[in-house]
Amino acid sequence: TGQWVQFNAYTKVWYAPKEGRSNTLLLLTKEVAPQLLYMVGLYDWHFTLVPLFFINGPEKLLSVRGMLHPGALAEKQLKKRIFLHLMKWVGLQKRTAMHSTDAFETEHIRQRLGASVRLYEAANFSRFIGPLTLPAKHAGQLKLVSIALISPMKNILLVLEALKRCTEEVQYDIFGPVKDAAYWDQCLQVMEQLPANISVQYHKEVSPYFVPQALQKGQVFILPSKSENFGHAIYEALSAGLPVITSGFTPWNGLEAQQAGINISNTVAGVREAIQQFAAMDEHEFDVWNKGAIALADKSTNPELLKAQYKAMFTGSPGTDEKL
């Protein structure tokens, strides 16, 4: 931390320590004199508000990363409303270009910040893991896995409530840091009430390098999020061959028609039915869904198109609106 690190032949990275982050950012922008400041996410003081309000000179590009989705705005509403009103009041949306990752997010941005906002649409880059060797599938048994922040947005509590009502034998592995301690306490309380046919293991945070090993503990990936801008964990699971159980509030819809997973209503009954459906499958039937997940991931990304989109976005002329 606290110095430039050579990341590769073309890139240097500054890992900022917690102390004095805002001052460091101000000093570094004077030193580097960048042409563009690319900010990821809303509401963060150091990495969004300081660049927006206190740094002048470079072009600014703000990637909202799903934070204007109605489901995301439903959490901590007051804080988010104050920020959005302040942003519009001082006219920052007129001086800052916005990065949207798909047509739905474009609509959410324009609804909140106005139709005239300068906007670039470029999809997400994601990691194709490739087919993994998963545990053998037996009828009446299922291994579930989640990789997610432990917070109300990811809806792990809903999965646990559904498991209370499952009659099949289910093993559930959860990976991810606890972001909301009170919410995790609720999860722990439900875990204590689970029947003998359900086992749950929590593994805390997993680094990106070990994600494939984490996925190999499961046969089906489950994440009934209240909203997802893209869902990198969902894509990685599909690419590894794990069918996905998720909500209808992600870009990954129509899963069942492609035999790549199930989009459920975010209800206990909806989650339970999807879990029971996969649990009932034997190895032959599950193999079809395993291949369907990989096929969906394979056709859902175009690296060359993505490179063109990001090149256009990062080098776009000020005041233009680009959609590729």
C-alpha atoms as a PDB file:
ATOM      1  CA  THR A   1       0.000   0.000   0.000  1.00  0.00           C
ATOM      2  CA  GLY A   2       0.926   3.646  -0.342  1.00  0.00           C
ATOM      3  CA  GLN A   3       3.053   3.334  -3.486  1.00  0.00           C
ATOM      4  CA  TRP A   4       2.754   2.652  -7.191  1.00  0.00           C
ATOM      5  CA  VAL A   5       2.856  -1.100  -7.950  1.00  0.00           C
ATOM      6  CA  GLN A   6       3.646  -2.437 -11.427  1.00  0.00           C
ATOM      7  CA  PHE A   7       0.587  -4.597 -12.150  1.00  0.00           C
ATOM      8  CA  ASN A   8       1.616  -5.543 -15.699  1.00  0.00           C
ATOM      9  CA  ALA A   9       3.563  -4.064 -18.611  1.00  0.00           C
ATOM     10  CA  TYR A  10       0.874  -1.433 -19.190  1.00  0.00           C
ATOM     11  CA  THR A  11      -0.563  -0.773 -15.747  1.00  0.00           C
ATOM     12  CA  LYS A  12       0.425   0.671 -12.402  1.00  0.00           C
ATOM     13  CA  VAL A  13      -1.828   0.455  -9.353  1.00  0.00           C
ATOM     14  CA  TRP A  14      -1.872   2.451  -6.122  1.00  0.00           C
ATOM     15  CA  TYR A  15      -3.340   0.476  -3.213  1.00  0.00           C
ATOM     16  CA  ALA A  16      -4.533   3.127  -0.789  1.00  0.00           C
ATOM     17  CA  PRO A  17      -4.266   2.486   2.968  1.00  0.00           C
ATOM     18  CA  LYS A  18      -7.290   3.452   5.050  1.00  0.00           C
ATOM     19  CA  GLU A  19      -5.602   6.439   6.629  1.00  0.00           C
ATOM     20  CA  GLY A  20      -5.885   9.658   4.638  1.00  0.00           C
ATOM     21  CA  ARG A  21      -7.492   8.120   1.577  1.00  0.00           C
ATOM     22  CA  SER A  22      -9.238  11.285   0.434  1.00  0.00           C
ATOM     23  CA  ASN A  23      -6.142  13.469   0.786  1.00  0.00           C
ATOM     24  CA  THR A  24      -4.060  10.830  -0.988  1.00  0.00           C
ATOM     25  CA  LEU A  25      -6.524  10.767  -3.872  1.00  0.00           C
ATOM     26  CA  LEU A  26      -6.424  14.546  -4.196  1.00  0.00           C
ATOM     27  CA  LEU A  27      -2.614  14.578  -4.192  1.00  0.00           C
ATOM     28  CA  LEU A  28      -2.324  11.721  -6.684  1.00  0.00           C
ATOM     29  CA  THR A  29      -4.689  13.316  -9.176  1.00  0.00           C
ATOM     30  CA  LYS A  30      -2.571  16.465  -9.121  1.00  0.00           C
ATOM     31  CA  GLU A  31       0.574  14.388  -9.619  1.00  0.00           C
ATOM     32  CA  VAL A  32      -0.762  12.151 -12.392  1.00  0.00           C
ATOM     33  CA  ALA A  33      -3.029  14.731 -14.094  1.00  0.00           C
ATOM     34  CA  PRO A  34      -5.358  12.029 -15.471  1.00  0.00           C
ATOM     35  CA  GLN A  35      -7.540  12.575 -18.508  1.00  0.00           C
ATOM     36  CA  LEU A  36     -10.342  10.509 -16.966  1.00  0.00           C
ATOM     37  CA  LEU A  37     -11.542   9.606 -13.480  1.00  0.00           C
ATOM     38  CA  TYR A  38     -13.561   6.376 -13.510  1.00  0.00           C
ATOM     39  CA  MET A  39     -15.605   5.926 -10.340  1.00  0.00           C
ATOM     40  CA  VAL A  40     -17.278   2.633  -9.486  1.00  0.00           C
ATOM     41  CA  GLY A  41     -20.405   2.725  -7.326  1.00  0.00           C
ATOM     42  CA  LEU A  42     -22.405   5.422  -5.613  1.00  0.00           C
ATOM     43  CA  TYR A  43     -22.542   6.777  -2.041  1.00  0.00           C
ATOM     44  CA  ASP A  44     -18.910   6.160  -1.031  1.00  0.00           C
ATOM     45  CA  TRP A  45     -17.242   9.214   0.496  1.00  0.00           C
ATOM     46  CA  HIS A  46     -13.637   8.492  -0.510  1.00  0.00           C
ATOM     47  CA  PHE A  47     -14.147   7.001  -3.941  1.00  0.00           C
ATOM     48  CA  THR A  48     -17.293   8.732  -5.226  1.00  0.00           C
ATOM     49  CA  LEU A  49     -18.120  11.926  -3.361  1.00  0.00           C
ATOM     50  CA  VAL A  50     -14.571  13.293  -3.041  1.00  0.00           C
ATOM     51  CA  PRO A  51     -13.806  12.823  -6.756  1.00  0.00           C
ATOM     52  CA  LEU A  52     -17.195  14.236  -7.774  1.00  0.00           C
ATOM     53  CA  PHE A  53     -17.098  17.330  -5.574  1.00  0.00           C
ATOM     54  CA  PHE A  54     -13.440  18.163  -5.008  1.00  0.00           C
ATOM     55  CA  ILE A  55     -11.464  17.140  -8.096  1.00  0.00           C
ATOM     56  CA  ASN A  56     -11.514  19.428 -11.110  1.00  0.00           C
ATOM     57  CA  GLY A  57      -9.932  19.010 -14.508  1.00  0.00           C
ATOM     58  CA  PRO A  58     -10.275  15.440 -15.760  1.00  0.00           C
ATOM     59  CA  GLU A  59     -13.356  14.015 -17.424  1.00  0.00           C
ATOM     60  CA  LYS A  60     -15.449  11.977 -14.985  1.00  0.00           C
ATOM     61  CA  LEU A  61     -17.233   8.698 -15.598  1.00  0.00           C
ATOM     62  CA  LEU A  62     -19.446   7.179 -12.913  1.00  0.00           C
ATOM     63  CA  SER A  63     -20.428   3.494 -13.031  1.00  0.00           C
ATOM     64  CA  VAL A  64     -23.507   2.961 -10.861  1.00  0.00           C
ATOM     65  CA  ARG A  65     -23.218  -0.859 -10.779  1.00  0.00           C
ATOM     66  CA  GLY A  66     -26.886  -1.602 -10.154  1.00  0.00           C
ATOM     67  CA  MET A  67     -27.232   0.870  -7.301  1.00  0.00           C
ATOM     68  CA  LEU A  68     -30.174   2.638  -8.982  1.00  0.00           C
ATOM     69  CA  HIS A  69     -32.149  -0.595  -9.367  1.00  0.00           C
ATOM     70  CA  PRO A  70     -35.486  -0.308  -7.473  1.00  0.00           C
ATOM     71  CA  GLY A  71     -34.528  -3.275  -5.294  1.00  0.00           C
ATOM     72  CA  ALA A  72     -31.221  -1.664  -4.331  1.00  0.00           C
ATOM     73  CA  LEU A  73     -32.872   1.708  -3.645  1.00  0.00           C
ATOM     74  CA  ALA A  74     -35.282   0.028  -1.229  1.00  0.00           C
ATOM     75  CA  GLU A  75     -32.377  -0.549   1.207  1.00  0.00           C
ATOM     76  CA  LYS A  76     -31.284   2.472   3.329  1.00  0.00           C
ATOM     77  CA  GLN A  77     -33.648   4.690   1.367  1.00  0.00           C
ATOM     78  CA  LEU A  78     -33.063   7.982   3.206  1.00  0.00           C
ATOM     79  CA  LYS A  79     -29.288   8.034   2.636  1.00  0.00           C
ATOM     80  CA  LYS A  80     -29.703   7.262  -1.045  1.00  0.00           C
ATOM     81  CA  ARG A  81     -32.464   9.807  -1.611  1.00  0.00           C
ATOM     82  CA  ILE A  82     -30.362  12.539  -0.007  1.00  0.00           C
ATOM     83  CA  PHE A  83     -27.391  11.699  -2.241  1.00  0.00           C
ATOM     84  CA  LEU A  84     -29.446  11.633  -5.446  1.00  0.00           C
ATOM     85  CA  HIS A  85     -31.209  14.910  -4.608  1.00  0.00           C
ATOM     86  CA  LEU A  86     -27.869  16.533  -3.806  1.00  0.00           C
ATOM     87  CA  MET A  87     -26.350  15.258  -7.040  1.00  0.00           C
ATOM     88  CA  LYS A  88     -29.214  16.659  -9.102  1.00  0.00           C
ATOM     89  CA  TRP A  89     -29.313  19.920  -7.116  1.00  0.00           C
ATOM     90  CA  VAL A  90     -25.681  20.767  -7.832  1.00  0.00           C
ATOM     91  CA  GLY A  91     -25.951  19.498 -11.411  1.00  0.00           C
ATOM     92  CA  LEU A  92     -23.240  16.859 -11.142  1.00  0.00           C
ATOM     93  CA  GLN A  93     -25.109  14.559 -13.501  1.00  0.00           C
ATOM     94  CA  LYS A  94     -24.650  17.217 -16.205  1.00  0.00           C
ATOM     95  CA  ARG A  95     -20.885  17.301 -15.711  1.00  0.00           C
ATOM     96  CA  THR A  96     -20.372  13.569 -15.192  1.00  0.00           C
ATOM     97  CA  ALA A  97     -20.909  10.833 -17.770  1.00  0.00           C
ATOM     98  CA  MET A  98     -22.608   7.659 -16.561  1.00  0.00           C
ATOM     99  CA  HIS A  99     -21.706   4.039 -17.294  1.00  0.00           C
ATOM    100  CA  SER A 100     -24.619   1.619 -17.698  1.00  0.00           C
ATOM    101  CA  THR A 101     -24.109  -2.104 -18.184  1.00  0.00           C
ATOM    102  CA  ASP A 102     -27.376  -2.918 -19.987  1.00  0.00           C
ATOM    103  CA  ALA A 103     -30.647  -1.441 -21.271  1.00  0.00           C
ATOM    104  CA  PHE A 104     -32.426  -1.972 -17.940  1.00  0.00           C
ATOM    105  CA  GLU A 105     -29.784  -0.014 -16.048  1.00  0.00           C
ATOM    106  CA  THR A 106     -29.899   2.715 -18.686  1.00  0.00           C
ATOM    107  CA  GLU A 107     -33.612   3.084 -17.955  1.00  0.00           C
ATOM    108  CA  HIS A 108     -33.008   3.190 -14.186  1.00  0.00           C
ATOM    109  CA  ILE A 109     -30.340   5.911 -14.592  1.00  0.00           C
ATOM    110  CA  ARG A 110     -32.536   8.078 -16.800  1.00  0.00           C
ATOM    111  CA  GLN A 111     -35.497   7.667 -14.426  1.00  0.00           C
ATOM    112  CA  ARG A 112     -33.443   8.897 -11.464  1.00  0.00           C
ATOM    113  CA  LEU A 113     -31.101  11.435 -13.045  1.00  0.00           C
ATOM    114  CA  GLY A 114     -33.007  12.655 -16.091  1.00  0.00           C
ATOM    115  CA  ALA A 115     -33.299  11.815 -19.772  1.00  0.00           C
ATOM    116  CA  SER A 116     -30.516  14.216 -20.752  1.00  0.00           C
ATOM    117  CA  VAL A 117     -27.774  12.514 -18.720  1.00  0.00           C
ATOM    118  CA  ARG A 118     -24.665  11.667 -20.779  1.00  0.00           C
ATOM    119  CA  LEU A 119     -24.452   7.890 -20.823  1.00  0.00           C
ATOM    120  CA  TYR A 120     -22.329   5.043 -22.187  1.00  0.00           C
ATOM    121  CA  GLU A 121     -23.677   1.496 -22.296  1.00  0.00           C
ATOM    122  CA  ALA A 122     -21.038  -1.234 -22.008  1.00  0.00           C
ATOM    123  CA  ALA A 123     -21.628  -4.719 -20.606  1.00  0.00           C
ATOM    124  CA  ASN A 124     -19.675  -6.365 -17.791  1.00  0.00           C
ATOM    125  CA  PHE A 125     -16.473  -8.308 -18.170  1.00  0.00           C
ATOM    126  CA  SER A 126     -16.719 -11.658 -16.424  1.00  0.00           C
ATOM    127  CA  ARG A 127     -14.601 -14.736 -15.762  1.00  0.00           C
ATOM    128  CA  PHE A 128     -15.419 -17.947 -17.607  1.00  0.00           C
ATOM    129  CA  ILE A 129     -14.218 -20.644 -15.222  1.00  0.00           C
ATOM    130  CA  GLY A 130     -14.996 -23.635 -17.400  1.00  0.00           C
ATOM    131  CA  PRO A 131     -16.553 -27.004 -16.517  1.00  0.00           C
ATOM    132  CA  LEU A 132     -15.637 -28.305 -13.067  1.00  0.00           C
ATOM    133  CA  THR A 133     -15.865 -31.811 -11.666  1.00  0.00           C
ATOM    134  CA  LEU A 134     -18.869 -31.608  -9.347  1.00  0.00           C
ATOM    135  CA  PRO A 135     -20.053 -34.092  -6.680  1.00  0.00           C
ATOM    136  CA  ALA A 136     -21.987 -37.071  -8.070  1.00  0.00           C
ATOM    137  CA  LYS A 137     -25.730 -36.387  -8.144  1.00  0.00           C
ATOM    138  CA  HIS A 138     -28.102 -38.859  -6.446  1.00  0.00           C
ATOM    139  CA  ALA A 139     -31.879 -38.601  -6.454  1.00  0.00           C
ATOM    140  CA  GLY A 140     -33.164 -37.258  -3.150  1.00  0.00           C
ATOM    141  CA  GLN A 141     -29.950 -35.400  -2.342  1.00  0.00           C
ATOM    142  CA  LEU A 142     -28.592 -31.949  -3.254  1.00  0.00           C
ATOM    143  CA  LYS A 143     -25.497 -29.865  -2.566  1.00  0.00           C
ATOM    144  CA  LEU A 144     -26.148 -26.103  -2.687  1.00  0.00           C
ATOM    145  CA  VAL A 145     -23.564 -23.325  -2.645  1.00  0.00           C
ATOM    146  CA  SER A 146     -23.714 -19.522  -2.365  1.00  0.00           C
ATOM    147  CA  ILE A 147     -20.880 -17.007  -2.791  1.00  0.00           C
ATOM    148  CA  ALA A 148     -22.077 -13.578  -1.712  1.00  0.00           C
ATOM    149  CA  LEU A 149     -21.879 -10.742   0.759  1.00  0.00           C
ATOM    150  CA  ILE A 150     -24.008 -11.609   3.786  1.00  0.00           C
ATOM    151  CA  SER A 151     -26.599  -8.836   3.620  1.00  0.00           C
ATOM    152  CA  PRO A 152     -30.371  -8.502   3.099  1.00  0.00           C
ATOM    153  CA  MET A 153     -29.814  -7.748  -0.613  1.00  0.00           C
ATOM    154  CA  LYS A 154     -28.485 -11.267  -1.267  1.00  0.00           C
ATOM    155  CA  ASN A 155     -31.373 -12.979   0.558  1.00  0.00           C
ATOM    156  CA  ILE A 156     -29.462 -15.835   2.216  1.00  0.00           C
ATOM    157  CA  LEU A 157     -32.027 -15.791   5.052  1.00  0.00           C
ATOM    158  CA  LEU A 158     -34.752 -16.655   2.536  1.00  0.00           C
ATOM    159  CA  VAL A 159     -32.769 -19.725   1.438  1.00  0.00           C
ATOM    160  CA  LEU A 160     -32.446 -20.870   5.057  1.00  0.00           C
ATOM    161  CA  GLU A 161     -36.171 -20.346   5.703  1.00  0.00           C
ATOM    162  CA  ALA A 162     -36.934 -22.477   2.633  1.00  0.00           C
ATOM    163  CA  LEU A 163     -34.551 -25.203   3.779  1.00  0.00           C
ATOM    164  CA  LYS A 164     -36.507 -25.487   7.046  1.00  0.00           C
ATOM    165  CA  ARG A 165     -39.380 -26.828   4.942  1.00  0.00           C
ATOM    166  CA  CYS A 166     -37.407 -29.146   2.633  1.00  0.00           C
ATOM    167  CA  THR A 167     -37.848 -32.889   3.020  1.00  0.00           C
ATOM    168  CA  GLU A 168     -34.890 -33.958   0.841  1.00  0.00           C
ATOM    169  CA  GLU A 169     -31.318 -34.294   2.094  1.00  0.00           C
ATOM    170  CA  VAL A 170     -29.554 -30.976   1.389  1.00  0.00           C
ATOM    171  CA  GLN A 171     -26.036 -29.760   2.143  1.00  0.00           C
ATOM    172  CA  TYR A 172     -25.616 -25.974   1.893  1.00  0.00           C
ATOM    173  CA  ASP A 173     -22.220 -24.203   1.832  1.00  0.00           C
ATOM    174  CA  ILE A 174     -22.109 -20.415   2.227  1.00  0.00           C
ATOM    175  CA  PHE A 175     -19.058 -18.330   1.292  1.00  0.00           C
ATOM    176  CA  GLY A 176     -18.802 -14.586   1.857  1.00  0.00           C
ATOM    177  CA  PRO A 177     -18.012 -11.851   4.369  1.00  0.00           C
ATOM    178  CA  VAL A 178     -20.670 -10.703   6.829  1.00  0.00           C
ATOM    179  CA  LYS A 179     -21.630  -7.183   5.778  1.00  0.00           C
ATOM    180  CA  ASP A 180     -24.660  -6.905   8.091  1.00  0.00           C
ATOM    181  CA  ALA A 181     -24.093  -8.469  11.525  1.00  0.00           C
ATOM    182  CA  ALA A 182     -27.735  -8.149  12.638  1.00  0.00           C
ATOM    183  CA  TYR A 183     -28.903  -9.890   9.467  1.00  0.00           C
ATOM    184  CA  TRP A 184     -26.364 -12.682   9.983  1.00  0.00           C
ATOM    185  CA  ASP A 185     -27.650 -13.164  13.529  1.00  0.00           C
ATOM    186  CA  GLN A 186     -31.091 -13.825  12.041  1.00  0.00           C
ATOM    187  CA  CYS A 187     -29.535 -16.383   9.713  1.00  0.00           C
ATOM    188  CA  LEU A 188     -27.808 -18.122  12.619  1.00  0.00           C
ATOM    189  CA  GLN A 189     -31.089 -18.334  14.523  1.00  0.00           C
ATOM    190  CA  VAL A 190     -32.767 -20.081  11.591  1.00  0.00           C
ATOM    191  CA  MET A 191     -29.797 -22.452  11.215  1.00  0.00           C
ATOM    192  CA  GLU A 192     -30.432 -23.653  14.761  1.00  0.00           C
ATOM    193  CA  GLN A 193     -33.986 -24.585  13.750  1.00  0.00           C
ATOM    194  CA  LEU A 194     -33.080 -26.636  10.667  1.00  0.00           C
ATOM    195  CA  PRO A 195     -34.192 -30.292  10.557  1.00  0.00           C
ATOM    196  CA  ALA A 196     -31.734 -33.204  10.595  1.00  0.00           C
ATOM    197  CA  ASN A 197     -31.878 -33.666   6.802  1.00  0.00           C
ATOM    198  CA  ILE A 198     -30.342 -30.185   6.273  1.00  0.00           C
ATOM    199  CA  SER A 199     -26.702 -29.319   6.962  1.00  0.00           C
ATOM    200  CA  VAL A 200     -25.233 -25.822   6.580  1.00  0.00           C
ATOM    201  CA  GLN A 201     -21.595 -24.777   6.714  1.00  0.00           C
ATOM    202  CA  TYR A 202     -20.322 -21.182   6.653  1.00  0.00           C
ATOM    203  CA  HIS A 203     -16.819 -20.620   5.273  1.00  0.00           C
ATOM    204  CA  LYS A 204     -16.413 -16.828   5.518  1.00  0.00           C
ATOM    205  CA  GLU A 205     -14.801 -14.924   2.654  1.00  0.00           C
ATOM    206  CA  VAL A 206     -13.189 -16.663  -0.323  1.00  0.00           C
ATOM    207  CA  SER A 207     -10.586 -14.999  -2.540  1.00  0.00           C
ATOM    208  CA  PRO A 208     -11.204 -14.971  -6.316  1.00  0.00           C
ATOM    209  CA  TYR A 209      -8.404 -17.509  -6.797  1.00  0.00           C
ATOM    210  CA  PHE A 210     -10.286 -20.107  -4.711  1.00  0.00           C
ATOM    211  CA  VAL A 211     -13.765 -19.528  -6.187  1.00  0.00           C
ATOM    212  CA  PRO A 212     -13.538 -22.669  -8.386  1.00  0.00           C
ATOM    213  CA  GLN A 213     -12.749 -24.781  -5.323  1.00  0.00           C
ATOM    214  CA  ALA A 214     -15.698 -23.232  -3.485  1.00  0.00           C
ATOM    215  CA  LEU A 215     -18.046 -23.946  -6.392  1.00  0.00           C
ATOM    216  CA  GLN A 216     -16.922 -27.571  -6.453  1.00  0.00           C
ATOM    217  CA  LYS A 217     -18.582 -28.102  -3.093  1.00  0.00           C
ATOM    218  CA  GLY A 218     -21.962 -27.655  -4.758  1.00  0.00           C
ATOM    219  CA  GLN A 219     -24.106 -28.994  -7.570  1.00  0.00           C
ATOM    220  CA  VAL A 220     -26.462 -26.002  -7.751  1.00  0.00           C
ATOM    221  CA  PHE A 221     -25.675 -22.340  -7.087  1.00  0.00           C
ATOM    222  CA  ILE A 222     -28.352 -20.387  -5.215  1.00  0.00           C
ATOM    223  CA  LEU A 223     -28.634 -16.595  -4.878  1.00  0.00           C
ATOM    224  CA  PRO A 224     -32.181 -15.143  -4.764  1.00  0.00           C
ATOM    225  CA  SER A 225     -30.931 -11.528  -4.786  1.00  0.00           C
ATOM    226  CA  LYS A 226     -33.315  -8.603  -4.461  1.00  0.00           C
ATOM    227  CA  SER A 227     -31.335  -6.976  -7.285  1.00  0.00           C
ATOM    228  CA  GLU A 228     -28.175  -7.623  -9.292  1.00  0.00           C
ATOM    229  CA  ASN A 229     -26.554  -5.310 -11.804  1.00  0.00           C
ATOM    230  CA  PHE A 230     -24.965  -8.342 -13.463  1.00  0.00           C
ATOM    231  CA  GLY A 231     -24.226 -11.067 -10.970  1.00  0.00           C
ATOM    232  CA  HIS A 232     -20.607 -12.074 -11.552  1.00  0.00           C
ATOM    233  CA  ALA A 233     -20.960 -14.950  -9.080  1.00  0.00           C
ATOM    234  CA  ILE A 234     -23.976 -16.213 -11.034  1.00  0.00           C
ATOM    235  CA  TYR A 235     -22.070 -16.099 -14.318  1.00  0.00           C
ATOM    236  CA  GLU A 236     -19.041 -17.856 -12.835  1.00  0.00           C
ATOM    237  CA  ALA A 237     -21.280 -20.601 -11.424  1.00  0.00           C
ATOM    238  CA  LEU A 238     -22.987 -21.123 -14.785  1.00  0.00           C
ATOM    239  CA  SER A 239     -19.636 -21.234 -16.569  1.00  0.00           C
ATOM    240  CA  ALA A 240     -18.469 -23.918 -14.123  1.00  0.00           C
ATOM    241  CA  GLY A 241     -21.542 -26.056 -14.839  1.00  0.00           C
ATOM    242  CA  LEU A 242     -23.696 -25.256 -11.808  1.00  0.00           C
ATOM    243  CA  PRO A 243     -27.350 -24.531 -12.643  1.00  0.00           C
ATOM    244  CA  VAL A 244     -28.534 -21.451 -10.772  1.00  0.00           C
ATOM    245  CA  ILE A 245     -31.538 -20.753  -8.570  1.00  0.00           C
ATOM    246  CA  THR A 246     -32.064 -16.994  -8.516  1.00  0.00           C
ATOM    247  CA  SER A 247     -34.752 -14.321  -8.532  1.00  0.00           C
ATOM    248  CA  GLY A 248     -36.198 -12.421 -11.467  1.00  0.00           C
ATOM    249  CA  PHE A 249     -34.297  -9.300 -10.416  1.00  0.00           C
ATOM    250  CA  THR A 250     -31.053 -10.081 -12.231  1.00  0.00           C
ATOM    251  CA  PRO A 251     -30.118 -10.084 -15.933  1.00  0.00           C
ATOM    252  CA  TRP A 252     -30.206 -13.897 -15.752  1.00  0.00           C
ATOM    253  CA  ASN A 253     -33.833 -14.574 -16.620  1.00  0.00           C
ATOM    254  CA  GLY A 254     -35.420 -17.351 -18.657  1.00  0.00           C
ATOM    255  CA  LEU A 255     -33.109 -19.896 -17.037  1.00  0.00           C
ATOM    256  CA  GLU A 256     -35.559 -22.781 -16.950  1.00  0.00           C
ATOM    257  CA  ALA A 257     -36.289 -22.591 -20.690  1.00  0.00           C
ATOM    258  CA  GLN A 258     -32.558 -23.061 -21.304  1.00  0.00           C
ATOM    259  CA  GLN A 259     -32.257 -25.774 -18.650  1.00  0.00           C
ATOM    260  CA  ALA A 260     -29.613 -23.658 -16.938  1.00  0.00           C
ATOM    261  CA  GLY A 261     -31.445 -22.959 -13.693  1.00  0.00           C
ATOM    262  CA  ILE A 262     -34.707 -21.708 -12.197  1.00  0.00           C
ATOM    263  CA  ASN A 263     -35.940 -18.140 -11.716  1.00  0.00           C
ATOM    264  CA  ILE A 264     -38.046 -18.174  -8.573  1.00  0.00           C
ATOM    265  CA  SER A 265     -40.442 -15.787  -6.898  1.00  0.00           C
ATOM    266  CA  ASN A 266     -38.740 -14.451  -3.791  1.00  0.00           C
ATOM    267  CA  THR A 267     -40.960 -16.417  -1.450  1.00  0.00           C
ATOM    268  CA  VAL A 268     -40.204 -19.318   0.867  1.00  0.00           C
ATOM    269  CA  ALA A 269     -42.468 -21.561  -1.199  1.00  0.00           C
ATOM    270  CA  GLY A 270     -40.812 -20.518  -4.474  1.00  0.00           C
ATOM    271  CA  VAL A 271     -37.290 -21.210  -3.203  1.00  0.00           C
ATOM    272  CA  ARG A 272     -38.331 -24.505  -1.592  1.00  0.00           C
ATOM    273  CA  GLU A 273     -39.952 -25.777  -4.798  1.00  0.00           C
ATOM    274  CA  ALA A 274     -36.813 -25.035  -6.839  1.00  0.00           C
ATOM    275  CA  ILE A 275     -34.559 -26.766  -4.296  1.00  0.00           C
ATOM    276  CA  GLN A 276     -36.838 -29.809  -4.180  1.00  0.00           C
ATOM    277  CA  GLN A 277     -36.946 -29.952  -8.001  1.00  0.00           C
ATOM    278  CA  PHE A 278     -33.158 -30.176  -8.252  1.00  0.00           C
ATOM    279  CA  ALA A 279     -32.899 -32.504  -5.267  1.00  0.00           C
ATOM    280  CA  ALA A 280     -35.228 -35.005  -6.936  1.00  0.00           C
ATOM    281  CA  MET A 281     -33.015 -35.289 -10.058  1.00  0.00           C
ATOM    282  CA  ASP A 282     -30.776 -38.280 -10.670  1.00  0.00           C
ATOM    283  CA  GLU A 283     -27.343 -37.949 -12.310  1.00  0.00           C
ATOM    284  CA  HIS A 284     -28.646 -38.474 -15.849  1.00  0.00           C
ATOM    285  CA  GLU A 285     -31.293 -35.752 -15.560  1.00  0.00           C
ATOM    286  CA  PHE A 286     -28.961 -33.366 -13.750  1.00  0.00           C
ATOM    287  CA  ASP A 287     -26.337 -33.760 -16.488  1.00  0.00           C
ATOM    288  CA  VAL A 288     -28.680 -32.000 -18.931  1.00  0.00           C
ATOM    289  CA  TRP A 289     -28.873 -28.971 -16.626  1.00  0.00           C
ATOM    290  CA  ASN A 290     -25.121 -29.040 -16.042  1.00  0.00           C
ATOM    291  CA  LYS A 291     -24.535 -28.758 -19.798  1.00  0.00           C
ATOM    292  CA  GLY A 292     -27.291 -26.133 -20.116  1.00  0.00           C
ATOM    293  CA  ALA A 293     -25.568 -23.893 -17.566  1.00  0.00           C
ATOM    294  CA  ILE A 294     -22.242 -24.053 -19.413  1.00  0.00           C
ATOM    295  CA  ALA A 295     -23.910 -23.406 -22.781  1.00  0.00           C
ATOM    296  CA  LEU A 296     -25.697 -20.310 -21.451  1.00  0.00           C
ATOM    297  CA  ALA A 297     -22.500 -18.851 -19.993  1.00  0.00           C
ATOM    298  CA  ASP A 298     -20.599 -19.599 -23.201  1.00  0.00           C
ATOM    299  CA  LYS A 299     -23.047 -17.711 -25.422  1.00  0.00           C
ATOM    300  CA  SER A 300     -23.545 -14.810 -22.991  1.00  0.00           C
ATOM    301  CA  THR A 301     -20.190 -13.115 -23.440  1.00  0.00           C
ATOM    302  CA  ASN A 302     -18.312 -11.659 -26.402  1.00  0.00           C
ATOM    303  CA  PRO A 303     -14.815 -10.507 -25.345  1.00  0.00           C
ATOM    304  CA  GLU A 304     -14.057  -8.667 -28.576  1.00  0.00           C
ATOM    305  CA  LEU A 305     -17.309  -6.708 -28.432  1.00  0.00           C
ATOM    306  CA  LEU A 306     -16.637  -5.869 -24.774  1.00  0.00           C
ATOM    307  CA  LYS A 307     -13.180  -4.527 -25.622  1.00  0.00           C
ATOM    308  CA  ALA A 308     -14.698  -2.306 -28.307  1.00  0.00           C
ATOM    309  CA  GLN A 309     -17.374  -1.049 -25.906  1.00  0.00           C
ATOM    310  CA  TYR A 310     -14.883  -0.087 -23.209  1.00  0.00           C
ATOM    311  CA  LYS A 311     -12.470   1.506 -25.653  1.00  0.00           C
ATOM    312  CA  ALA A 312     -15.290   3.677 -26.988  1.00  0.00           C
ATOM    313  CA  MET A 313     -16.409   4.569 -23.465  1.00  0.00           C
ATOM    314  CA  PHE A 314     -12.969   5.489 -22.114  1.00  0.00           C
ATOM    315  CA  THR A 315     -11.954   7.465 -25.200  1.00  0.00           C
ATOM    316  CA  GLY A 316     -15.360   8.940 -26.067  1.00  0.00           C
ATOM    317  CA  SER A 317     -15.652  12.602 -26.937  1.00  0.00           C
ATOM    318  CA  PRO A 318     -17.072  14.813 -24.162  1.00  0.00           C
ATOM    319  CA  GLY A 319     -20.744  15.493 -24.546  1.00  0.00           C
ATOM    320  CA  THR A 320     -21.521  12.461 -26.706  1.00  0.00           C
ATOM    321  CA  ASP A 321     -23.872   9.619 -25.933  1.00  0.00           C
ATOM    322  CA  GLU A 322     -22.704   6.177 -26.988  1.00  0.00           C
ATOM    323  CA  LYS A 323     -24.513   2.853 -27.053  1.00  0.00           C
ATOM    324  CA  LEU A 324     -22.751  -0.137 -28.584  1.00  0.00           C
END
